[in-house]
Amino acid sequence: MNLEDVQEFLDAAYENGQIQQKANSRALMDYAPLDDVLKTRRPK
């Protein structure tokens, strides 16, 4: 999905009351890759 499609999805979710505040697709970030790296660095 491109950022415009994501923004349309977020806008619709806001208008339908599925999310409580407007969100900007450009401000969203997937932290999964960072979490994967941090898992390898955390002591067990």
PDB file of N, CA and C in Angstrom:
ATOM      1  N   MET A   1       0.846  -1.183   0.000  1.00  0.00           N
ATOM      2  CA  MET A   1       0.000   0.000   0.000  1.00  0.00           C
ATOM      3  C   MET A   1       0.888   1.242   0.000  1.00  0.00           C
ATOM      4  N   ASN A   2       0.471   2.229  -0.750  1.00  0.00           N
ATOM      5  CA  ASN A   2       1.216   3.483  -0.699  1.00  0.00           C
ATOM      6  C   ASN A   2       0.651   4.366   0.413  1.00  0.00           C
ATOM      7  N   LEU A   3       1.342   5.447   0.715  1.00  0.00           N
ATOM      8  CA  LEU A   3       0.941   6.307   1.830  1.00  0.00           C
ATOM      9  C   LEU A   3      -0.436   6.933   1.632  1.00  0.00           C
ATOM     10  N   GLU A   4      -0.795   7.219   0.387  1.00  0.00           N
ATOM     11  CA  GLU A   4      -2.109   7.811   0.123  1.00  0.00           C
ATOM     12  C   GLU A   4      -3.232   6.824   0.450  1.00  0.00           C
ATOM     13  N   ASP A   5      -3.028   5.549   0.101  1.00  0.00           N
ATOM     14  CA  ASP A   5      -4.021   4.516   0.416  1.00  0.00           C
ATOM     15  C   ASP A   5      -4.157   4.337   1.927  1.00  0.00           C
ATOM     16  N   VAL A   6      -3.028   4.344   2.605  1.00  0.00           N
ATOM     17  CA  VAL A   6      -3.050   4.207   4.067  1.00  0.00           C
ATOM     18  C   VAL A   6      -3.792   5.392   4.677  1.00  0.00           C
ATOM     19  N   GLN A   7      -3.534   6.614   4.162  1.00  0.00           N
ATOM     20  CA  GLN A   7      -4.196   7.793   4.692  1.00  0.00           C
ATOM     21  C   GLN A   7      -5.701   7.719   4.488  1.00  0.00           C
ATOM     22  N   GLU A   8      -6.145   7.252   3.316  1.00  0.00           N
ATOM     23  CA  GLU A   8      -7.582   7.092   3.072  1.00  0.00           C
ATOM     24  C   GLU A   8      -8.195   6.108   4.066  1.00  0.00           C
ATOM     25  N   PHE A   9      -7.495   5.017   4.338  1.00  0.00           N
ATOM     26  CA  PHE A   9      -7.957   4.023   5.301  1.00  0.00           C
ATOM     27  C   PHE A   9      -8.081   4.630   6.697  1.00  0.00           C
ATOM     28  N   LEU A  10      -7.060   5.392   7.104  1.00  0.00           N
ATOM     29  CA  LEU A  10      -7.069   6.018   8.425  1.00  0.00           C
ATOM     30  C   LEU A  10      -8.176   7.063   8.533  1.00  0.00           C
ATOM     31  N   ASP A  11      -8.368   7.843   7.488  1.00  0.00           N
ATOM     32  CA  ASP A  11      -9.422   8.858   7.490  1.00  0.00           C
ATOM     33  C   ASP A  11     -10.798   8.209   7.618  1.00  0.00           C
ATOM     34  N   ALA A  12     -11.014   7.121   6.891  1.00  0.00           N
ATOM     35  CA  ALA A  12     -12.299   6.415   6.960  1.00  0.00           C
ATOM     36  C   ALA A  12     -12.507   5.833   8.355  1.00  0.00           C
ATOM     37  N   ALA A  13     -11.462   5.287   8.939  1.00  0.00           N
ATOM     38  CA  ALA A  13     -11.564   4.723  10.287  1.00  0.00           C
ATOM     39  C   ALA A  13     -11.922   5.812  11.294  1.00  0.00           C
ATOM     40  N   TYR A  14     -11.349   6.984  11.140  1.00  0.00           N
ATOM     41  CA  TYR A  14     -11.656   8.100  12.034  1.00  0.00           C
ATOM     42  C   TYR A  14     -13.104   8.539  11.854  1.00  0.00           C
ATOM     43  N   GLU A  15     -13.529   8.691  10.609  1.00  0.00           N
ATOM     44  CA  GLU A  15     -14.901   9.131  10.327  1.00  0.00           C
ATOM     45  C   GLU A  15     -15.937   8.125  10.827  1.00  0.00           C
ATOM     46  N   ASN A  16     -15.577   6.846  10.835  1.00  0.00           N
ATOM     47  CA  ASN A  16     -16.498   5.799  11.297  1.00  0.00           C
ATOM     48  C   ASN A  16     -16.399   5.542  12.795  1.00  0.00           C
ATOM     49  N   GLY A  17     -15.552   6.297  13.486  1.00  0.00           N
ATOM     50  CA  GLY A  17     -15.416   6.150  14.932  1.00  0.00           C
ATOM     51  C   GLY A  17     -14.588   4.954  15.359  1.00  0.00           C
ATOM     52  N   GLN A  18     -13.819   4.374  14.435  1.00  0.00           N
ATOM     53  CA  GLN A  18     -13.003   3.208  14.775  1.00  0.00           C
ATOM     54  C   GLN A  18     -11.709   3.598  15.482  1.00  0.00           C
ATOM     55  N   ILE A  19     -11.241   4.817  15.229  1.00  0.00           N
ATOM     56  CA  ILE A  19     -10.097   5.354  15.959  1.00  0.00           C
ATOM     57  C   ILE A  19     -10.509   6.711  16.506  1.00  0.00           C
ATOM     58  N   GLN A  20      -9.921   7.118  17.625  1.00  0.00           N
ATOM     59  CA  GLN A  20     -10.387   8.299  18.348  1.00  0.00           C
ATOM     60  C   GLN A  20      -9.807   9.610  17.850  1.00  0.00           C
ATOM     61  N   GLN A  21      -8.672   9.565  17.177  1.00  0.00           N
ATOM     62  CA  GLN A  21      -8.106  10.817  16.678  1.00  0.00           C
ATOM     63  C   GLN A  21      -7.554  10.600  15.274  1.00  0.00           C
ATOM     64  N   LYS A  22      -7.491  11.690  14.524  1.00  0.00           N
ATOM     65  CA  LYS A  22      -6.960  11.604  13.168  1.00  0.00           C
ATOM     66  C   LYS A  22      -5.507  11.165  13.228  1.00  0.00           C
ATOM     67  N   ALA A  23      -5.114  10.383  12.265  1.00  0.00           N
ATOM     68  CA  ALA A  23      -3.734   9.905  12.202  1.00  0.00           C
ATOM     69  C   ALA A  23      -3.146  10.271  10.847  1.00  0.00           C
ATOM     70  N   ASN A  24      -1.845  10.510  10.840  1.00  0.00           N
ATOM     71  CA  ASN A  24      -1.142  10.857   9.618  1.00  0.00           C
ATOM     72  C   ASN A  24      -0.331   9.646   9.177  1.00  0.00           C
ATOM     73  N   SER A  25      -0.589   9.161   7.964  1.00  0.00           N
ATOM     74  CA  SER A  25       0.097   7.968   7.474  1.00  0.00           C
ATOM     75  C   SER A  25       1.608   8.164   7.409  1.00  0.00           C
ATOM     76  N   ARG A  26       2.052   9.391   7.197  1.00  0.00           N
ATOM     77  CA  ARG A  26       3.497   9.643   7.108  1.00  0.00           C
ATOM     78  C   ARG A  26       4.170   9.598   8.482  1.00  0.00           C
ATOM     79  N   ALA A  27       3.389   9.691   9.546  1.00  0.00           N
ATOM     80  CA  ALA A  27       3.953   9.672  10.894  1.00  0.00           C
ATOM     81  C   ALA A  27       3.980   8.260  11.485  1.00  0.00           C
ATOM     82  N   LEU A  28       3.357   7.318  10.810  1.00  0.00           N
ATOM     83  CA  LEU A  28       3.319   5.947  11.318  1.00  0.00           C
ATOM     84  C   LEU A  28       4.616   5.223  10.990  1.00  0.00           C
ATOM     85  N   MET A  29       4.994   4.320  11.870  1.00  0.00           N
ATOM     86  CA  MET A  29       6.221   3.567  11.647  1.00  0.00           C
ATOM     87  C   MET A  29       6.037   2.147  12.162  1.00  0.00           C
ATOM     88  N   ASP A  30       6.558   1.192  11.415  1.00  0.00           N
ATOM     89  CA  ASP A  30       6.521  -0.210  11.825  1.00  0.00           C
ATOM     90  C   ASP A  30       7.775  -0.486  12.651  1.00  0.00           C
ATOM     91  N   TYR A  31       7.580  -0.775  13.921  1.00  0.00           N
ATOM     92  CA  TYR A  31       8.710  -1.016  14.823  1.00  0.00           C
ATOM     93  C   TYR A  31       9.131  -2.485  14.885  1.00  0.00           C
ATOM     94  N   ALA A  32       8.514  -3.343  14.110  1.00  0.00           N
ATOM     95  CA  ALA A  32       8.842  -4.772  14.155  1.00  0.00           C
ATOM     96  C   ALA A  32      10.326  -5.034  13.856  1.00  0.00           C
ATOM     97  N   PRO A  33      10.915  -4.434  12.813  1.00  0.00           N
ATOM     98  CA  PRO A  33      12.343  -4.700  12.573  1.00  0.00           C
ATOM     99  C   PRO A  33      13.228  -4.255  13.742  1.00  0.00           C
ATOM    100  N   LEU A  34      12.908  -3.133  14.355  1.00  0.00           N
ATOM    101  CA  LEU A  34      13.665  -2.678  15.517  1.00  0.00           C
ATOM    102  C   LEU A  34      13.510  -3.653  16.676  1.00  0.00           C
ATOM    103  N   ASP A  35      12.300  -4.117  16.906  1.00  0.00           N
ATOM    104  CA  ASP A  35      12.073  -5.098  17.971  1.00  0.00           C
ATOM    105  C   ASP A  35      12.891  -6.357  17.742  1.00  0.00           C
ATOM    106  N   ASP A  36      12.976  -6.801  16.488  1.00  0.00           N
ATOM    107  CA  ASP A  36      13.759  -8.004  16.178  1.00  0.00           C
ATOM    108  C   ASP A  36      15.234  -7.805  16.513  1.00  0.00           C
ATOM    109  N   VAL A  37      15.783  -6.653  16.185  1.00  0.00           N
ATOM    110  CA  VAL A  37      17.184  -6.370  16.486  1.00  0.00           C
ATOM    111  C   VAL A  37      17.392  -6.287  17.986  1.00  0.00           C
ATOM    112  N   LEU A  38      16.485  -5.618  18.678  1.00  0.00           N
ATOM    113  CA  LEU A  38      16.645  -5.468  20.124  1.00  0.00           C
ATOM    114  C   LEU A  38      16.548  -6.810  20.843  1.00  0.00           C
ATOM    115  N   LYS A  39      15.750  -7.726  20.340  1.00  0.00           N
ATOM    116  CA  LYS A  39      15.637  -9.065  20.961  1.00  0.00           C
ATOM    117  C   LYS A  39      16.999  -9.766  20.979  1.00  0.00           C
ATOM    118  N   THR A  40      17.794  -9.545  19.948  1.00  0.00           N
ATOM    119  CA  THR A  40      19.109 -10.219  19.878  1.00  0.00           C
ATOM    120  C   THR A  40      20.109  -9.558  20.809  1.00  0.00           C
ATOM    121  N   ARG A  41      19.837  -8.329  21.243  1.00  0.00           N
ATOM    122  CA  ARG A  41      20.787  -7.589  22.086  1.00  0.00           C
ATOM    123  C   ARG A  41      20.422  -7.592  23.557  1.00  0.00           C
ATOM    124  N   ARG A  42      19.217  -7.987  23.875  1.00  0.00           N
ATOM    125  CA  ARG A  42      18.790  -7.982  25.290  1.00  0.00           C
ATOM    126  C   ARG A  42      19.360  -9.199  26.002  1.00  0.00           C
ATOM    127  N   PRO A  43      19.855  -9.002  27.220  1.00  0.00           N
ATOM    128  CA  PRO A  43      20.329 -10.167  27.976  1.00  0.00           C
ATOM    129  C   PRO A  43      19.160 -11.078  28.342  1.00  0.00           C
ATOM    130  N   LYS A  44      19.453 -12.357  28.374  1.00  0.00           N
ATOM    131  CA  LYS A  44      18.404 -13.329  28.663  1.00  0.00           C
ATOM    132  C   LYS A  44      18.362 -13.691  30.119  1.00  0.00           C
TER     133      LYS A  44
END
